[in-house]
């Protein structure tokens, strides 16, 4: 992995919330509420993690024009991070 990817990997590892979001989105795109329900984490923690991961280019909003029920999925970089987490 490149230096930026290692930095992103460390960033994800530093938070159980970010790790949980990456793992949840590896299966299929989901809404923040679905991720919160699946992980049993508070929606506010999930939403904050989503913003942080989106800022790093690891996930993206697939339905940006929707006001509610936005779907998020992994980017190619996010998939690489997930693959590292799975090893």
N, C-alpha and C. Protein backbone atom coordinates (compact mmCIF):
# COMPACT_ATOMS: atom_id res chain seq x y z
N UNK A 1 0.85 -1.19 0.00
CA UNK A 1 0.00 0.00 0.00
C UNK A 1 0.89 1.24 0.00
N UNK A 2 0.36 2.29 -0.59
CA UNK A 2 1.05 3.58 -0.62
C UNK A 2 0.96 4.24 0.75
N UNK A 3 1.79 5.27 0.95
CA UNK A 3 1.83 5.96 2.25
C UNK A 3 0.46 6.50 2.65
N UNK A 4 -0.26 7.12 1.70
CA UNK A 4 -1.60 7.64 2.01
C UNK A 4 -2.54 6.53 2.45
N UNK A 5 -2.43 5.38 1.81
CA UNK A 5 -3.29 4.25 2.18
C UNK A 5 -2.96 3.76 3.58
N UNK A 6 -1.68 3.73 3.93
CA UNK A 6 -1.30 3.33 5.29
C UNK A 6 -1.82 4.33 6.30
N UNK A 7 -1.75 5.62 5.95
CA UNK A 7 -2.30 6.65 6.85
C UNK A 7 -3.80 6.45 7.05
N UNK A 8 -4.51 6.17 5.97
CA UNK A 8 -5.95 5.92 6.07
C UNK A 8 -6.24 4.65 6.86
N UNK A 9 -5.43 3.64 6.66
CA UNK A 9 -5.60 2.38 7.40
C UNK A 9 -5.45 2.64 8.90
N UNK A 10 -4.42 3.38 9.28
CA UNK A 10 -4.21 3.73 10.68
C UNK A 10 -5.36 4.57 11.23
N UNK A 11 -5.86 5.48 10.41
CA UNK A 11 -6.99 6.32 10.80
C UNK A 11 -8.22 5.47 11.12
N UNK A 12 -8.49 4.49 10.28
CA UNK A 12 -9.64 3.60 10.50
C UNK A 12 -9.41 2.74 11.74
N UNK A 13 -8.21 2.19 11.89
CA UNK A 13 -7.91 1.33 13.03
C UNK A 13 -8.04 2.06 14.37
N UNK A 14 -7.84 3.36 14.36
CA UNK A 14 -7.86 4.15 15.60
C UNK A 14 -9.25 4.30 16.19
N UNK A 15 -10.29 3.88 15.47
CA UNK A 15 -11.65 4.06 15.95
C UNK A 15 -12.50 2.82 15.67
N UNK A 16 -13.08 2.28 16.73
CA UNK A 16 -13.98 1.14 16.56
C UNK A 16 -15.19 1.52 15.71
N UNK A 17 -15.62 2.77 15.82
CA UNK A 17 -16.77 3.24 15.03
C UNK A 17 -16.43 3.24 13.54
N UNK A 18 -15.27 3.80 13.19
CA UNK A 18 -14.89 3.84 11.77
C UNK A 18 -14.70 2.43 11.22
N UNK A 19 -14.08 1.56 12.01
CA UNK A 19 -13.92 0.16 11.58
C UNK A 19 -15.27 -0.48 11.32
N UNK A 20 -16.21 -0.26 12.22
CA UNK A 20 -17.54 -0.86 12.09
C UNK A 20 -18.26 -0.35 10.84
N UNK A 21 -18.12 0.93 10.53
CA UNK A 21 -18.76 1.50 9.35
C UNK A 21 -18.17 0.88 8.08
N UNK A 22 -16.84 0.80 8.01
CA UNK A 22 -16.18 0.20 6.84
C UNK A 22 -16.66 -1.25 6.66
N UNK A 23 -16.67 -2.00 7.74
CA UNK A 23 -17.08 -3.41 7.65
C UNK A 23 -18.55 -3.54 7.25
N UNK A 24 -19.40 -2.68 7.78
CA UNK A 24 -20.83 -2.74 7.44
C UNK A 24 -21.06 -2.43 5.96
N UNK A 25 -20.31 -1.47 5.43
CA UNK A 25 -20.50 -1.07 4.04
C UNK A 25 -19.84 -2.03 3.06
N UNK A 26 -19.00 -2.92 3.54
CA UNK A 26 -18.34 -3.88 2.64
C UNK A 26 -19.35 -4.86 2.06
N UNK A 27 -20.42 -5.13 2.79
CA UNK A 27 -21.44 -6.07 2.31
C UNK A 27 -22.25 -5.47 1.17
N UNK A 28 -22.77 -4.25 1.40
CA UNK A 28 -23.59 -3.56 0.40
C UNK A 28 -23.81 -2.13 0.89
N UNK A 29 -24.23 -1.22 0.01
CA UNK A 29 -24.53 0.15 0.44
C UNK A 29 -25.64 0.17 1.49
N UNK A 30 -25.51 1.10 2.43
CA UNK A 30 -26.49 1.19 3.52
C UNK A 30 -26.69 2.64 3.92
N UNK A 31 -27.79 2.87 4.63
CA UNK A 31 -28.06 4.18 5.21
C UNK A 31 -27.38 4.24 6.58
N UNK A 32 -27.16 5.45 7.10
CA UNK A 32 -26.59 5.55 8.45
C UNK A 32 -27.44 4.80 9.49
N UNK A 33 -28.74 4.87 9.36
CA UNK A 33 -29.64 4.18 10.31
C UNK A 33 -29.43 2.67 10.24
N UNK A 34 -29.30 2.13 9.04
CA UNK A 34 -29.06 0.69 8.90
C UNK A 34 -27.73 0.29 9.55
N UNK A 35 -26.71 1.13 9.36
CA UNK A 35 -25.40 0.85 9.96
C UNK A 35 -25.51 0.90 11.48
N UNK A 36 -26.20 1.91 12.00
CA UNK A 36 -26.36 2.05 13.45
C UNK A 36 -27.11 0.84 14.02
N UNK A 37 -28.17 0.42 13.35
CA UNK A 37 -28.93 -0.74 13.82
C UNK A 37 -28.08 -2.02 13.80
N UNK A 38 -27.31 -2.18 12.73
CA UNK A 38 -26.49 -3.38 12.57
C UNK A 38 -25.35 -3.44 13.59
N UNK A 39 -24.72 -2.29 13.84
CA UNK A 39 -23.55 -2.26 14.72
C UNK A 39 -23.92 -2.04 16.18
N UNK A 40 -25.15 -1.62 16.43
CA UNK A 40 -25.63 -1.29 17.78
C UNK A 40 -24.95 -0.03 18.34
N UNK A 41 -24.37 0.78 17.44
CA UNK A 41 -23.77 2.05 17.84
C UNK A 41 -24.79 3.16 17.69
N UNK A 42 -24.63 4.20 18.48
CA UNK A 42 -25.50 5.37 18.42
C UNK A 42 -25.40 6.01 17.04
N UNK A 43 -26.53 6.46 16.51
CA UNK A 43 -26.56 7.07 15.18
C UNK A 43 -25.62 8.26 15.07
N UNK A 44 -25.47 9.04 16.14
CA UNK A 44 -24.58 10.20 16.08
C UNK A 44 -23.13 9.78 15.89
N UNK A 45 -22.71 8.67 16.51
CA UNK A 45 -21.34 8.16 16.32
C UNK A 45 -21.15 7.67 14.88
N UNK A 46 -22.15 6.98 14.38
CA UNK A 46 -22.09 6.47 13.00
C UNK A 46 -22.03 7.63 12.02
N UNK A 47 -22.86 8.64 12.21
CA UNK A 47 -22.89 9.79 11.30
C UNK A 47 -21.55 10.53 11.31
N UNK A 48 -20.96 10.70 12.48
CA UNK A 48 -19.66 11.37 12.57
C UNK A 48 -18.60 10.56 11.84
N UNK A 49 -18.62 9.25 12.03
CA UNK A 49 -17.66 8.38 11.36
C UNK A 49 -17.84 8.42 9.85
N UNK A 50 -19.08 8.47 9.40
CA UNK A 50 -19.35 8.56 7.96
C UNK A 50 -18.74 9.84 7.40
N UNK A 51 -18.94 10.96 8.07
CA UNK A 51 -18.36 12.23 7.60
C UNK A 51 -16.84 12.14 7.53
N UNK A 52 -16.23 11.57 8.56
CA UNK A 52 -14.77 11.46 8.59
C UNK A 52 -14.26 10.57 7.47
N UNK A 53 -14.92 9.45 7.25
CA UNK A 53 -14.50 8.52 6.20
C UNK A 53 -14.75 9.09 4.82
N UNK A 54 -15.83 9.84 4.68
CA UNK A 54 -16.13 10.48 3.40
C UNK A 54 -15.08 11.55 3.10
N UNK A 55 -14.68 12.31 4.12
CA UNK A 55 -13.64 13.33 3.94
C UNK A 55 -12.32 12.72 3.49
N UNK A 56 -12.05 11.50 3.89
CA UNK A 56 -10.82 10.81 3.52
C UNK A 56 -10.95 10.06 2.19
N UNK A 57 -12.14 10.07 1.59
CA UNK A 57 -12.34 9.39 0.31
C UNK A 57 -12.47 7.89 0.43
N UNK A 58 -12.85 7.40 1.60
CA UNK A 58 -12.99 5.96 1.80
C UNK A 58 -14.41 5.47 1.57
N UNK A 59 -15.37 6.36 1.73
CA UNK A 59 -16.76 6.05 1.41
C UNK A 59 -17.33 7.22 0.63
N UNK A 60 -18.46 6.97 -0.04
CA UNK A 60 -19.12 8.06 -0.77
C UNK A 60 -20.62 7.90 -0.65
N UNK A 61 -21.29 9.03 -0.76
CA UNK A 61 -22.74 9.03 -0.75
C UNK A 61 -23.21 8.69 -2.16
N UNK A 62 -24.03 7.67 -2.27
CA UNK A 62 -24.51 7.22 -3.58
C UNK A 62 -25.79 7.93 -3.99
N UNK A 63 -26.43 8.61 -3.04
CA UNK A 63 -27.69 9.33 -3.30
C UNK A 63 -27.59 10.74 -2.72
N UNK A 64 -26.68 11.57 -3.23
CA UNK A 64 -26.43 12.88 -2.62
C UNK A 64 -27.61 13.84 -2.66
N UNK A 65 -28.54 13.66 -3.57
CA UNK A 65 -29.67 14.59 -3.69
C UNK A 65 -30.82 14.25 -2.76
N UNK A 66 -30.77 13.11 -2.11
CA UNK A 66 -31.82 12.75 -1.15
C UNK A 66 -31.58 13.48 0.16
N UNK A 67 -32.65 13.95 0.75
CA UNK A 67 -32.53 14.64 2.02
C UNK A 67 -32.43 13.65 3.18
N UNK A 68 -33.23 12.59 3.11
CA UNK A 68 -33.23 11.55 4.14
C UNK A 68 -32.96 10.20 3.49
N UNK A 69 -32.44 9.29 4.28
CA UNK A 69 -32.21 7.94 3.77
C UNK A 69 -31.11 7.85 2.75
N UNK A 70 -30.06 8.66 2.91
CA UNK A 70 -28.95 8.61 1.96
C UNK A 70 -28.23 7.27 2.07
N UNK A 71 -27.85 6.74 0.92
CA UNK A 71 -27.11 5.49 0.86
C UNK A 71 -25.63 5.78 0.72
N UNK A 72 -24.82 5.05 1.47
CA UNK A 72 -23.37 5.19 1.41
C UNK A 72 -22.75 3.86 1.01
N UNK A 73 -21.65 3.94 0.28
CA UNK A 73 -20.91 2.76 -0.12
C UNK A 73 -19.43 3.02 -0.08
N UNK A 74 -18.64 1.95 -0.15
CA UNK A 74 -17.19 2.08 -0.14
C UNK A 74 -16.67 2.54 -1.50
N UNK A 75 -15.63 3.35 -1.48
CA UNK A 75 -14.90 3.69 -2.70
C UNK A 75 -13.87 2.58 -2.93
N UNK A 76 -13.12 2.68 -4.02
CA UNK A 76 -12.05 1.70 -4.26
C UNK A 76 -11.04 1.72 -3.12
N UNK A 77 -10.71 2.92 -2.63
CA UNK A 77 -9.78 3.02 -1.50
C UNK A 77 -10.39 2.38 -0.25
N UNK A 78 -11.68 2.57 -0.06
CA UNK A 78 -12.36 1.96 1.08
C UNK A 78 -12.34 0.45 1.01
N UNK A 79 -12.49 -0.10 -0.19
CA UNK A 79 -12.43 -1.55 -0.38
C UNK A 79 -11.04 -2.06 -0.02
N UNK A 80 -9.99 -1.33 -0.42
CA UNK A 80 -8.63 -1.74 -0.08
C UNK A 80 -8.41 -1.73 1.44
N UNK A 81 -8.94 -0.72 2.10
CA UNK A 81 -8.82 -0.66 3.56
C UNK A 81 -9.57 -1.84 4.19
N UNK A 82 -10.78 -2.12 3.69
CA UNK A 82 -11.53 -3.26 4.21
C UNK A 82 -10.74 -4.56 4.03
N UNK A 83 -10.13 -4.73 2.88
CA UNK A 83 -9.35 -5.94 2.62
C UNK A 83 -8.21 -6.08 3.62
N UNK A 84 -7.57 -4.96 3.98
CA UNK A 84 -6.51 -5.00 4.99
C UNK A 84 -7.07 -5.36 6.37
N UNK A 85 -8.25 -4.82 6.69
CA UNK A 85 -8.87 -5.13 7.98
C UNK A 85 -9.24 -6.60 8.08
N UNK A 86 -9.53 -7.21 6.94
CA UNK A 86 -9.99 -8.60 6.92
C UNK A 86 -8.85 -9.61 7.02
N UNK A 87 -7.63 -9.14 6.89
CA UNK A 87 -6.48 -10.07 6.93
C UNK A 87 -6.18 -10.51 8.34
